[in-house]
């Protein structure tokens, strides 16, 4: 298979998943979109990669405006 064939397959899998989600009611869709362990099904409780939970957005915005901390 060529690279474009792999891309076509991945895109169609993503579209199939989206079609499946669109058929669910809002409550079931939220439940289905949660990140879960592929083995046991327990919801992941880990923060998203690249997200610093200690980051103070208010302090950052004050600094951007040129205000003192």
Protein backbone atom coordinates (compact mmCIF):
# COMPACT_ATOMS: atom_id res chain seq x y z
CA UNK A 1 0.00 0.00 0.00
CA UNK A 2 1.09 3.53 -0.65
CA UNK A 3 1.02 6.37 1.85
CA UNK A 4 -2.15 7.77 0.29
CA UNK A 5 -3.86 4.39 0.77
CA UNK A 6 -3.06 4.41 4.50
CA UNK A 7 -4.33 7.98 4.74
CA UNK A 8 -7.55 7.03 2.97
CA UNK A 9 -8.10 4.14 5.41
CA UNK A 10 -7.45 6.27 8.49
CA UNK A 11 -9.75 9.05 7.32
CA UNK A 12 -12.55 6.60 6.58
CA UNK A 13 -12.15 5.00 10.02
CA UNK A 14 -12.40 8.45 11.60
CA UNK A 15 -15.53 9.24 9.57
CA UNK A 16 -17.09 5.92 10.59
CA UNK A 17 -16.41 6.70 14.25
CA UNK A 18 -17.97 10.15 13.88
CA UNK A 19 -21.06 8.65 12.21
CA UNK A 20 -21.43 6.23 15.11
CA UNK A 21 -21.15 9.04 17.66
CA UNK A 22 -23.72 11.18 15.84
CA UNK A 23 -26.34 8.47 16.30
CA UNK A 24 -26.02 8.61 20.10
CA UNK A 25 -28.01 10.82 22.43
CA UNK A 26 -25.98 13.68 24.02
CA UNK A 27 -25.48 11.85 27.35
CA UNK A 28 -24.29 8.63 25.70
CA UNK A 29 -22.04 10.60 23.33
CA UNK A 30 -20.28 12.29 26.26
CA UNK A 31 -19.77 8.90 27.87
CA UNK A 32 -18.48 7.36 24.63
CA UNK A 33 -15.98 10.19 24.05
CA UNK A 34 -14.24 9.70 27.40
CA UNK A 35 -10.71 8.35 27.24
CA UNK A 36 -10.71 4.79 28.54
CA UNK A 37 -8.17 2.04 29.05
CA UNK A 38 -8.40 -0.33 26.08
CA UNK A 39 -7.98 -3.36 28.36
CA UNK A 40 -10.19 -2.82 31.41
CA UNK A 41 -12.32 0.15 30.31
CA UNK A 42 -11.53 2.33 33.34
CA UNK A 43 -11.61 6.05 32.56
CA UNK A 44 -8.17 7.64 32.33
CA UNK A 45 -7.51 10.05 35.15
CA UNK A 46 -4.26 11.37 33.76
CA UNK A 47 -4.00 14.99 32.58
CA UNK A 48 -3.66 15.55 28.87
CA UNK A 49 -0.12 15.45 27.57
CA UNK A 50 1.45 18.88 27.34
CA UNK A 51 -0.94 20.50 29.81
CA UNK A 52 0.59 22.19 32.85
CA UNK A 53 -2.06 22.17 35.57
CA UNK A 54 0.03 24.57 37.67
CA UNK A 55 0.00 27.28 34.98
CA UNK A 56 -1.62 30.50 36.24
CA UNK A 57 -3.42 32.00 33.25
CA UNK A 58 -4.48 35.13 35.17
CA UNK A 59 -0.86 35.87 36.12
CA UNK A 60 0.23 35.27 32.53
CA UNK A 61 -2.41 37.67 31.18
CA UNK A 62 -1.34 40.37 33.67
CA UNK A 63 2.25 40.00 32.53
CA UNK A 64 1.17 40.24 28.89
CA UNK A 65 -0.56 43.55 29.63
CA UNK A 66 2.69 44.80 31.19
CA UNK A 67 1.37 44.81 34.75
CA UNK A 68 3.57 43.82 37.67
CA UNK A 69 2.98 40.42 39.21
